[in-house]
C-alpha cells in the first residue's frame, strides 16, 4: 500500500476553510480533475459521497464514507466501493497565524494485474500530484479576490 500527503497554508480563517472542505459537492466547480461529487447520504454530519475523477483521461470512480469531526477539524474518509483496492485518509485543518494549515494524507492501493514497481511509482506520483492539485484548488477558491458586496 502506498501513502502520500500534501500540506498548504491557506490565507483564510479556519472556519471558512473547513466549511468549504465539507462542501465536497462544490469541488468540481473549481477542481478540474473532478467530474462530479454527489452526496448519497447525510447522517449526524457524516456523509457518504460518490466521486468521479479524471486522471490522465481515465475516469476513476469510488464511493466513500466521510467522518467529520467538527470539534477537531478533521475528516477521516474510507472508500466503501470503487476502483481502488484501498483508498482512505485524513484531512486536517489547523489555525495558524497566517491562516489555516491544511493537510491531506491518503493511503491507497489499486490492483492492476502485472503492475510492476515502475507503474506503482507512477501511480504514487500521480496521486501525490492530485493531492497537491486539490489543495491548490481549495486555496485558490478561498484566496481569490471577491467583489465587495453590492458590486457586480
N, C-alpha and C. Protein backbone atom coordinates (compact mmCIF):
# COMPACT_ATOMS: atom_id res chain seq x y z
N UNK A 1 0.86 -1.17 0.00
CA UNK A 1 0.00 0.00 0.00
C UNK A 1 0.90 1.24 0.00
N UNK A 2 0.50 2.24 -0.77
CA UNK A 2 1.26 3.48 -0.85
C UNK A 2 0.61 4.55 0.02
N UNK A 3 1.43 5.48 0.49
CA UNK A 3 0.93 6.59 1.31
C UNK A 3 1.53 7.87 0.77
N UNK A 4 0.68 8.88 0.54
CA UNK A 4 1.13 10.18 0.07
C UNK A 4 0.46 11.26 0.91
N UNK A 5 1.06 12.43 0.93
CA UNK A 5 0.49 13.53 1.69
C UNK A 5 0.88 14.86 1.10
N UNK A 6 0.09 15.88 1.41
CA UNK A 6 0.37 17.24 0.96
C UNK A 6 -0.13 18.20 2.02
N UNK A 7 0.49 19.38 2.06
CA UNK A 7 0.13 20.40 3.04
C UNK A 7 0.25 21.76 2.38
N UNK A 8 -0.63 22.66 2.77
CA UNK A 8 -0.53 24.05 2.34
C UNK A 8 -1.09 24.95 3.43
N UNK A 9 -0.68 26.19 3.39
CA UNK A 9 -1.27 27.23 4.25
C UNK A 9 -2.23 28.03 3.39
N UNK A 10 -3.47 28.11 3.82
CA UNK A 10 -4.48 28.89 3.11
C UNK A 10 -4.71 30.18 3.88
N UNK A 11 -4.63 31.29 3.19
CA UNK A 11 -4.79 32.61 3.82
C UNK A 11 -6.26 32.92 4.03
N UNK A 12 -6.87 32.15 4.90
CA UNK A 12 -8.29 32.31 5.22
C UNK A 12 -8.52 31.72 6.62
N UNK A 13 -9.57 32.18 7.31
CA UNK A 13 -9.86 31.65 8.65
C UNK A 13 -10.20 30.16 8.62
N UNK A 14 -9.87 29.48 9.71
CA UNK A 14 -10.11 28.05 9.85
C UNK A 14 -11.55 27.67 9.51
N UNK A 15 -12.53 28.38 10.06
CA UNK A 15 -13.93 28.04 9.82
C UNK A 15 -14.30 28.11 8.34
N UNK A 16 -13.77 29.09 7.62
CA UNK A 16 -14.06 29.22 6.18
C UNK A 16 -13.47 28.05 5.40
N UNK A 17 -12.24 27.69 5.71
CA UNK A 17 -11.57 26.59 5.01
C UNK A 17 -12.30 25.28 5.30
N UNK A 18 -12.58 25.03 6.56
CA UNK A 18 -13.24 23.80 6.96
C UNK A 18 -14.62 23.68 6.32
N UNK A 19 -15.36 24.78 6.31
CA UNK A 19 -16.71 24.76 5.72
C UNK A 19 -16.66 24.45 4.23
N UNK A 20 -15.71 25.04 3.51
CA UNK A 20 -15.60 24.75 2.08
C UNK A 20 -15.18 23.30 1.86
N UNK A 21 -14.28 22.78 2.69
CA UNK A 21 -13.85 21.38 2.56
C UNK A 21 -15.03 20.43 2.78
N UNK A 22 -15.93 20.77 3.69
CA UNK A 22 -17.10 19.93 3.94
C UNK A 22 -18.10 20.00 2.79
N UNK A 23 -18.04 21.03 1.99
CA UNK A 23 -18.96 21.23 0.88
C UNK A 23 -18.41 20.54 -0.38
N UNK A 24 -18.16 19.23 -0.27
CA UNK A 24 -17.49 18.49 -1.34
C UNK A 24 -18.24 18.52 -2.66
N UNK A 25 -19.55 18.64 -2.63
CA UNK A 25 -20.29 18.65 -3.89
C UNK A 25 -19.96 19.87 -4.75
N UNK A 26 -19.36 20.90 -4.15
CA UNK A 26 -18.95 22.08 -4.94
C UNK A 26 -17.56 21.90 -5.58
N UNK A 27 -16.82 20.89 -5.19
CA UNK A 27 -15.44 20.72 -5.67
C UNK A 27 -15.31 20.72 -7.20
N UNK A 28 -16.18 20.05 -7.95
CA UNK A 28 -16.00 20.06 -9.40
C UNK A 28 -16.06 21.45 -10.04
N UNK A 29 -16.65 22.42 -9.34
CA UNK A 29 -16.72 23.80 -9.85
C UNK A 29 -15.34 24.44 -9.93
N UNK A 30 -14.40 24.02 -9.08
CA UNK A 30 -13.08 24.64 -9.07
C UNK A 30 -11.92 23.65 -9.06
N UNK A 31 -12.21 22.35 -9.15
CA UNK A 31 -11.17 21.32 -9.23
C UNK A 31 -11.30 20.60 -10.56
N UNK A 32 -10.43 20.92 -11.51
CA UNK A 32 -10.58 20.38 -12.87
C UNK A 32 -10.45 18.86 -12.98
N UNK A 33 -9.82 18.19 -12.02
CA UNK A 33 -9.66 16.74 -12.09
C UNK A 33 -10.88 15.98 -11.59
N UNK A 34 -11.90 16.71 -11.15
CA UNK A 34 -13.13 16.06 -10.66
C UNK A 34 -14.27 16.32 -11.64
N UNK A 35 -14.88 15.25 -12.08
CA UNK A 35 -16.04 15.36 -12.96
C UNK A 35 -17.30 15.59 -12.13
N UNK A 36 -17.43 14.85 -11.02
CA UNK A 36 -18.61 15.02 -10.18
C UNK A 36 -18.35 14.49 -8.77
N UNK A 37 -19.07 15.07 -7.82
CA UNK A 37 -19.13 14.57 -6.45
C UNK A 37 -20.59 14.71 -6.04
N UNK A 38 -21.15 13.60 -5.55
CA UNK A 38 -22.56 13.60 -5.20
C UNK A 38 -22.72 13.06 -3.78
N UNK A 39 -23.52 13.76 -2.98
CA UNK A 39 -23.84 13.30 -1.63
C UNK A 39 -24.93 12.23 -1.75
N UNK A 40 -24.63 11.03 -1.26
CA UNK A 40 -25.62 9.96 -1.29
C UNK A 40 -26.40 9.88 0.01
N UNK A 41 -25.74 10.29 1.11
CA UNK A 41 -26.37 10.17 2.42
C UNK A 41 -25.70 11.14 3.40
N UNK A 42 -26.51 11.73 4.27
CA UNK A 42 -26.01 12.57 5.37
C UNK A 42 -26.61 12.04 6.65
N UNK A 43 -25.75 11.88 7.67
CA UNK A 43 -26.24 11.42 8.96
C UNK A 43 -25.35 11.99 10.05
N UNK A 44 -25.91 12.84 10.90
CA UNK A 44 -25.15 13.45 12.01
C UNK A 44 -23.86 14.11 11.55
N UNK A 45 -23.88 14.78 10.42
CA UNK A 45 -22.70 15.48 9.92
C UNK A 45 -21.78 14.62 9.07
N UNK A 46 -21.91 13.30 9.16
CA UNK A 46 -21.10 12.41 8.33
C UNK A 46 -21.81 12.23 6.98
N UNK A 47 -21.03 11.89 5.96
CA UNK A 47 -21.62 11.76 4.64
C UNK A 47 -21.12 10.50 3.94
N UNK A 48 -21.91 10.05 3.00
CA UNK A 48 -21.49 9.05 2.03
C UNK A 48 -21.49 9.79 0.70
N UNK A 49 -20.35 9.79 0.02
CA UNK A 49 -20.20 10.56 -1.20
C UNK A 49 -19.76 9.68 -2.36
N UNK A 50 -20.24 10.03 -3.55
CA UNK A 50 -19.86 9.32 -4.77
C UNK A 50 -18.99 10.28 -5.60
N UNK A 51 -17.78 9.82 -5.96
CA UNK A 51 -16.81 10.65 -6.66
C UNK A 51 -16.52 10.08 -8.04
N UNK A 52 -16.35 10.97 -9.02
CA UNK A 52 -15.85 10.59 -10.34
C UNK A 52 -14.72 11.56 -10.66
N UNK A 53 -13.51 11.02 -10.70
CA UNK A 53 -12.34 11.82 -11.01
C UNK A 53 -11.79 11.44 -12.37
N UNK A 54 -10.93 12.28 -12.91
CA UNK A 54 -10.29 12.01 -14.19
C UNK A 54 -8.80 12.12 -14.01
N UNK A 55 -8.09 11.03 -14.29
CA UNK A 55 -6.63 11.01 -14.19
C UNK A 55 -6.08 10.60 -15.55
N UNK A 56 -5.37 11.51 -16.17
CA UNK A 56 -4.79 11.30 -17.49
C UNK A 56 -5.81 10.72 -18.47
N UNK A 57 -7.00 11.34 -18.49
CA UNK A 57 -8.05 10.95 -19.42
C UNK A 57 -8.87 9.74 -19.01
N UNK A 58 -8.52 9.08 -17.91
CA UNK A 58 -9.24 7.89 -17.47
C UNK A 58 -10.12 8.24 -16.26
N UNK A 59 -11.39 7.81 -16.30
CA UNK A 59 -12.29 8.06 -15.18
C UNK A 59 -12.02 7.06 -14.07
N UNK A 60 -12.01 7.56 -12.84
CA UNK A 60 -11.88 6.73 -11.65
C UNK A 60 -13.09 7.05 -10.78
N UNK A 61 -13.77 5.99 -10.35
CA UNK A 61 -14.99 6.16 -9.55
C UNK A 61 -14.83 5.48 -8.20
N UNK A 62 -15.44 6.10 -7.18
CA UNK A 62 -15.49 5.46 -5.86
C UNK A 62 -16.58 6.10 -5.02
N UNK A 63 -17.01 5.35 -4.02
CA UNK A 63 -17.96 5.83 -3.01
C UNK A 63 -17.23 5.76 -1.68
N UNK A 64 -17.28 6.86 -0.92
CA UNK A 64 -16.55 6.88 0.34
C UNK A 64 -17.43 7.33 1.49
N UNK A 65 -17.05 6.86 2.68
CA UNK A 65 -17.63 7.32 3.94
C UNK A 65 -16.74 8.44 4.46
N UNK A 66 -17.34 9.57 4.78
CA UNK A 66 -16.61 10.72 5.32
C UNK A 66 -17.08 10.96 6.75
N UNK A 67 -16.17 10.85 7.70
CA UNK A 67 -16.47 11.08 9.12
C UNK A 67 -15.88 12.43 9.52
N UNK A 68 -16.74 13.43 9.68
CA UNK A 68 -16.31 14.78 10.01
C UNK A 68 -16.34 14.99 11.52
N UNK A 69 -15.23 15.45 12.07
CA UNK A 69 -15.13 15.78 13.49
C UNK A 69 -15.02 17.30 13.57
N UNK A 70 -16.15 17.96 13.77
CA UNK A 70 -16.18 19.43 13.76
C UNK A 70 -15.37 20.05 14.89
N UNK A 71 -15.29 19.40 16.03
CA UNK A 71 -14.53 19.96 17.16
C UNK A 71 -13.03 19.92 16.88
N UNK A 72 -12.55 18.85 16.27
CA UNK A 72 -11.11 18.70 15.99
C UNK A 72 -10.74 19.20 14.60
N UNK A 73 -11.73 19.55 13.76
CA UNK A 73 -11.49 19.98 12.38
C UNK A 73 -10.72 18.93 11.60
N UNK A 74 -11.25 17.71 11.62
CA UNK A 74 -10.63 16.58 10.92
C UNK A 74 -11.73 15.81 10.19
N UNK A 75 -11.38 15.28 9.03
CA UNK A 75 -12.26 14.36 8.32
C UNK A 75 -11.47 13.09 8.02
N UNK A 76 -12.03 11.96 8.42
CA UNK A 76 -11.45 10.66 8.08
C UNK A 76 -12.34 10.05 7.00
N UNK A 77 -11.73 9.60 5.92
CA UNK A 77 -12.51 9.03 4.83
C UNK A 77 -11.98 7.67 4.45
N UNK A 78 -12.89 6.85 3.92
CA UNK A 78 -12.53 5.49 3.53
C UNK A 78 -13.47 5.07 2.39
N UNK A 79 -12.87 4.52 1.34
CA UNK A 79 -13.68 4.01 0.23
C UNK A 79 -14.51 2.82 0.70
N UNK A 80 -15.78 2.82 0.33
CA UNK A 80 -16.62 1.65 0.62
C UNK A 80 -16.77 0.78 -0.62
N UNK A 81 -16.65 1.39 -1.80
CA UNK A 81 -16.65 0.63 -3.06
C UNK A 81 -16.04 1.50 -4.14
N UNK A 82 -15.48 0.85 -5.17
CA UNK A 82 -14.93 1.64 -6.26
C UNK A 82 -13.71 1.01 -6.89
N UNK A 83 -12.99 1.84 -7.64
CA UNK A 83 -11.87 1.37 -8.46
C UNK A 83 -10.60 1.07 -7.67
N UNK A 84 -10.48 1.61 -6.48
CA UNK A 84 -9.30 1.33 -5.65
C UNK A 84 -9.50 0.04 -4.88
N UNK A 85 -8.42 -0.65 -4.59
CA UNK A 85 -8.48 -1.78 -3.67
C UNK A 85 -8.59 -1.23 -2.25
N UNK A 86 -7.80 -0.19 -1.97
CA UNK A 86 -7.83 0.54 -0.70
C UNK A 86 -7.73 2.02 -1.03
N UNK A 87 -8.55 2.84 -0.38
CA UNK A 87 -8.46 4.29 -0.51
C UNK A 87 -9.01 4.86 0.79
N UNK A 88 -8.12 5.45 1.60
CA UNK A 88 -8.53 6.01 2.88
C UNK A 88 -7.54 7.09 3.28
N UNK A 89 -7.99 7.97 4.16
CA UNK A 89 -7.08 9.02 4.58
C UNK A 89 -7.71 10.01 5.53
N UNK A 90 -7.03 11.14 5.66
CA UNK A 90 -7.41 12.16 6.63
C UNK A 90 -7.17 13.55 6.06
N UNK A 91 -8.16 14.42 6.22
CA UNK A 91 -7.99 15.86 6.03
C UNK A 91 -7.88 16.43 7.43
N UNK A 92 -6.96 17.35 7.64
CA UNK A 92 -6.92 18.05 8.93
C UNK A 92 -6.69 19.53 8.69
N UNK A 93 -7.26 20.32 9.57
CA UNK A 93 -7.25 21.78 9.43
C UNK A 93 -6.87 22.38 10.78
N UNK A 94 -5.91 23.32 10.75
CA UNK A 94 -5.43 23.92 11.99
C UNK A 94 -5.20 25.41 11.78
N UNK A 95 -5.72 26.21 12.70
CA UNK A 95 -5.49 27.66 12.64
C UNK A 95 -4.03 27.94 12.95
N UNK A 96 -3.41 28.76 12.11
CA UNK A 96 -2.03 29.22 12.31
C UNK A 96 -2.05 30.73 12.08
N UNK A 97 -1.00 31.45 12.51
CA UNK A 97 -1.03 32.91 12.36
C UNK A 97 -1.31 33.40 10.94
N UNK A 98 -0.83 32.66 9.92
CA UNK A 98 -1.02 33.08 8.53
C UNK A 98 -2.39 32.72 7.97
N UNK A 99 -3.14 31.86 8.65
CA UNK A 99 -4.43 31.43 8.13
C UNK A 99 -4.77 30.03 8.64
N UNK A 100 -4.81 29.06 7.73
CA UNK A 100 -5.17 27.69 8.09
C UNK A 100 -4.21 26.70 7.44
N UNK A 101 -3.55 25.90 8.27
CA UNK A 101 -2.72 24.81 7.75
C UNK A 101 -3.67 23.68 7.39
N UNK A 102 -3.58 23.23 6.14
CA UNK A 102 -4.46 22.19 5.63
C UNK A 102 -3.62 21.02 5.17
N UNK A 103 -3.86 19.86 5.77
CA UNK A 103 -3.11 18.63 5.45
C UNK A 103 -4.06 17.61 4.85
N UNK A 104 -3.56 16.88 3.88
CA UNK A 104 -4.31 15.80 3.27
C UNK A 104 -3.37 14.60 3.13
N UNK A 105 -3.73 13.47 3.73
CA UNK A 105 -2.93 12.25 3.68
C UNK A 105 -3.82 11.13 3.16
N UNK A 106 -3.31 10.37 2.19
CA UNK A 106 -4.08 9.28 1.59
C UNK A 106 -3.22 8.02 1.53
N UNK A 107 -3.80 6.92 1.93
CA UNK A 107 -3.20 5.60 1.72
C UNK A 107 -4.06 4.92 0.66
N UNK A 108 -3.40 4.33 -0.32
CA UNK A 108 -4.17 3.73 -1.41
C UNK A 108 -3.46 2.52 -1.97
N UNK A 109 -4.29 1.72 -2.60
CA UNK A 109 -3.79 0.56 -3.34
C UNK A 109 -4.76 0.34 -4.47
N UNK A 110 -4.23 0.08 -5.63
CA UNK A 110 -5.08 -0.22 -6.78
C UNK A 110 -4.52 -1.47 -7.42
N UNK A 111 -5.37 -2.43 -7.62
CA UNK A 111 -4.92 -3.72 -8.12
C UNK A 111 -4.91 -3.72 -9.64
N UNK A 112 -3.72 -3.65 -10.20
CA UNK A 112 -3.55 -3.72 -11.64
C UNK A 112 -2.71 -4.95 -11.93
N UNK A 113 -3.28 -5.93 -12.62
CA UNK A 113 -2.50 -7.15 -12.90
C UNK A 113 -1.19 -6.82 -13.61
N UNK A 114 -0.15 -7.51 -13.20
CA UNK A 114 1.19 -7.37 -13.78
C UNK A 114 1.78 -5.98 -13.60
N UNK A 115 1.27 -5.23 -12.60
CA UNK A 115 1.82 -3.89 -12.34
C UNK A 115 3.13 -4.04 -11.59
N UNK A 116 4.17 -3.58 -12.20
CA UNK A 116 5.48 -3.66 -11.57
C UNK A 116 5.78 -2.42 -10.77
N UNK A 117 7.01 -2.35 -10.29
CA UNK A 117 7.45 -1.22 -9.47
C UNK A 117 7.36 0.09 -10.23
N UNK A 118 7.66 0.07 -11.52
CA UNK A 118 7.63 1.30 -12.32
C UNK A 118 6.22 1.88 -12.36
N UNK A 119 5.23 1.04 -12.63
CA UNK A 119 3.84 1.50 -12.66
C UNK A 119 3.37 1.92 -11.27
N UNK A 120 3.77 1.20 -10.26
CA UNK A 120 3.41 1.56 -8.88
C UNK A 120 3.97 2.93 -8.52
N UNK A 121 5.21 3.20 -8.91
CA UNK A 121 5.80 4.51 -8.64
C UNK A 121 5.10 5.61 -9.42
N UNK A 122 4.67 5.32 -10.65
CA UNK A 122 3.94 6.30 -11.45
C UNK A 122 2.60 6.62 -10.78
N UNK A 123 1.89 5.60 -10.31
CA UNK A 123 0.62 5.83 -9.63
C UNK A 123 0.81 6.66 -8.37
N UNK A 124 1.86 6.39 -7.63
CA UNK A 124 2.14 7.16 -6.41
C UNK A 124 2.41 8.62 -6.76
N UNK A 125 3.17 8.85 -7.83
CA UNK A 125 3.47 10.21 -8.27
C UNK A 125 2.19 10.93 -8.72
N UNK A 126 1.33 10.22 -9.46
CA UNK A 126 0.07 10.83 -9.90
C UNK A 126 -0.84 11.17 -8.72
N UNK A 127 -0.89 10.29 -7.74
CA UNK A 127 -1.71 10.55 -6.56
C UNK A 127 -1.15 11.75 -5.78
N UNK A 128 0.16 11.84 -5.67
CA UNK A 128 0.79 12.98 -5.00
C UNK A 128 0.41 14.28 -5.71
N UNK A 129 0.52 14.29 -7.02
CA UNK A 129 0.14 15.48 -7.80
C UNK A 129 -1.32 15.82 -7.60
N UNK A 130 -2.17 14.79 -7.53
CA UNK A 130 -3.59 15.01 -7.34
C UNK A 130 -3.88 15.68 -6.00
N UNK A 131 -3.22 15.21 -4.93
CA UNK A 131 -3.42 15.83 -3.62
C UNK A 131 -2.99 17.29 -3.64
N UNK A 132 -1.82 17.55 -4.23
CA UNK A 132 -1.32 18.93 -4.30
C UNK A 132 -2.26 19.80 -5.11
N UNK A 133 -2.79 19.25 -6.20
CA UNK A 133 -3.73 19.98 -7.04
C UNK A 133 -5.03 20.29 -6.28
N UNK A 134 -5.53 19.33 -5.51
CA UNK A 134 -6.73 19.56 -4.71
C UNK A 134 -6.52 20.69 -3.71
N UNK A 135 -5.39 20.65 -3.01
CA UNK A 135 -5.13 21.69 -2.02
C UNK A 135 -4.95 23.05 -2.68
N UNK A 136 -4.28 23.10 -3.83
CA UNK A 136 -4.09 24.38 -4.52
C UNK A 136 -5.43 24.92 -5.02
N UNK A 137 -6.32 24.03 -5.47
CA UNK A 137 -7.64 24.47 -5.92
C UNK A 137 -8.44 25.03 -4.74
N UNK A 138 -8.39 24.36 -3.60
CA UNK A 138 -9.08 24.84 -2.40
C UNK A 138 -8.51 26.20 -1.99
N UNK A 139 -7.20 26.29 -1.99
CA UNK A 139 -6.51 27.54 -1.65
C UNK A 139 -6.92 28.66 -2.61
N UNK A 140 -6.91 28.36 -3.91
CA UNK A 140 -7.28 29.35 -4.91
C UNK A 140 -8.71 29.83 -4.76
N UNK A 141 -9.62 28.92 -4.43
CA UNK A 141 -11.02 29.29 -4.26
C UNK A 141 -11.19 30.20 -3.05
N UNK A 142 -10.47 29.94 -1.98
CA UNK A 142 -10.62 30.75 -0.76
C UNK A 142 -9.83 32.06 -0.81
N UNK A 143 -8.75 32.10 -1.58
CA UNK A 143 -7.91 33.30 -1.61
C UNK A 143 -8.21 34.23 -2.77
N UNK A 144 -9.06 33.82 -3.69
CA UNK A 144 -9.30 34.67 -4.86
C UNK A 144 -10.02 35.95 -4.45
N UNK A 145 -9.67 37.05 -5.10
CA UNK A 145 -10.32 38.33 -4.77
C UNK A 145 -11.81 38.26 -5.10
N UNK A 146 -12.59 38.87 -4.24
CA UNK A 146 -14.03 38.90 -4.45
C UNK A 146 -14.48 40.36 -4.51
N UNK A 147 -15.50 40.60 -5.29
CA UNK A 147 -16.05 41.96 -5.39
C UNK A 147 -16.72 42.32 -4.07
N UNK A 148 -16.63 43.57 -3.65
CA UNK A 148 -17.34 43.99 -2.43
C UNK A 148 -18.83 43.76 -2.60
N UNK A 149 -19.50 43.55 -1.48
CA UNK A 149 -20.97 43.34 -1.52
C UNK A 149 -21.63 44.50 -2.24
N UNK A 150 -22.61 44.15 -3.07
CA UNK A 150 -23.34 45.16 -3.80
C UNK A 150 -22.68 45.57 -5.11
N UNK A 151 -21.46 45.12 -5.36
CA UNK A 151 -20.74 45.44 -6.60
C UNK A 151 -20.73 44.21 -7.48
N UNK A 152 -21.07 44.38 -8.75
CA UNK A 152 -21.07 43.24 -9.67
C UNK A 152 -20.01 43.38 -10.70
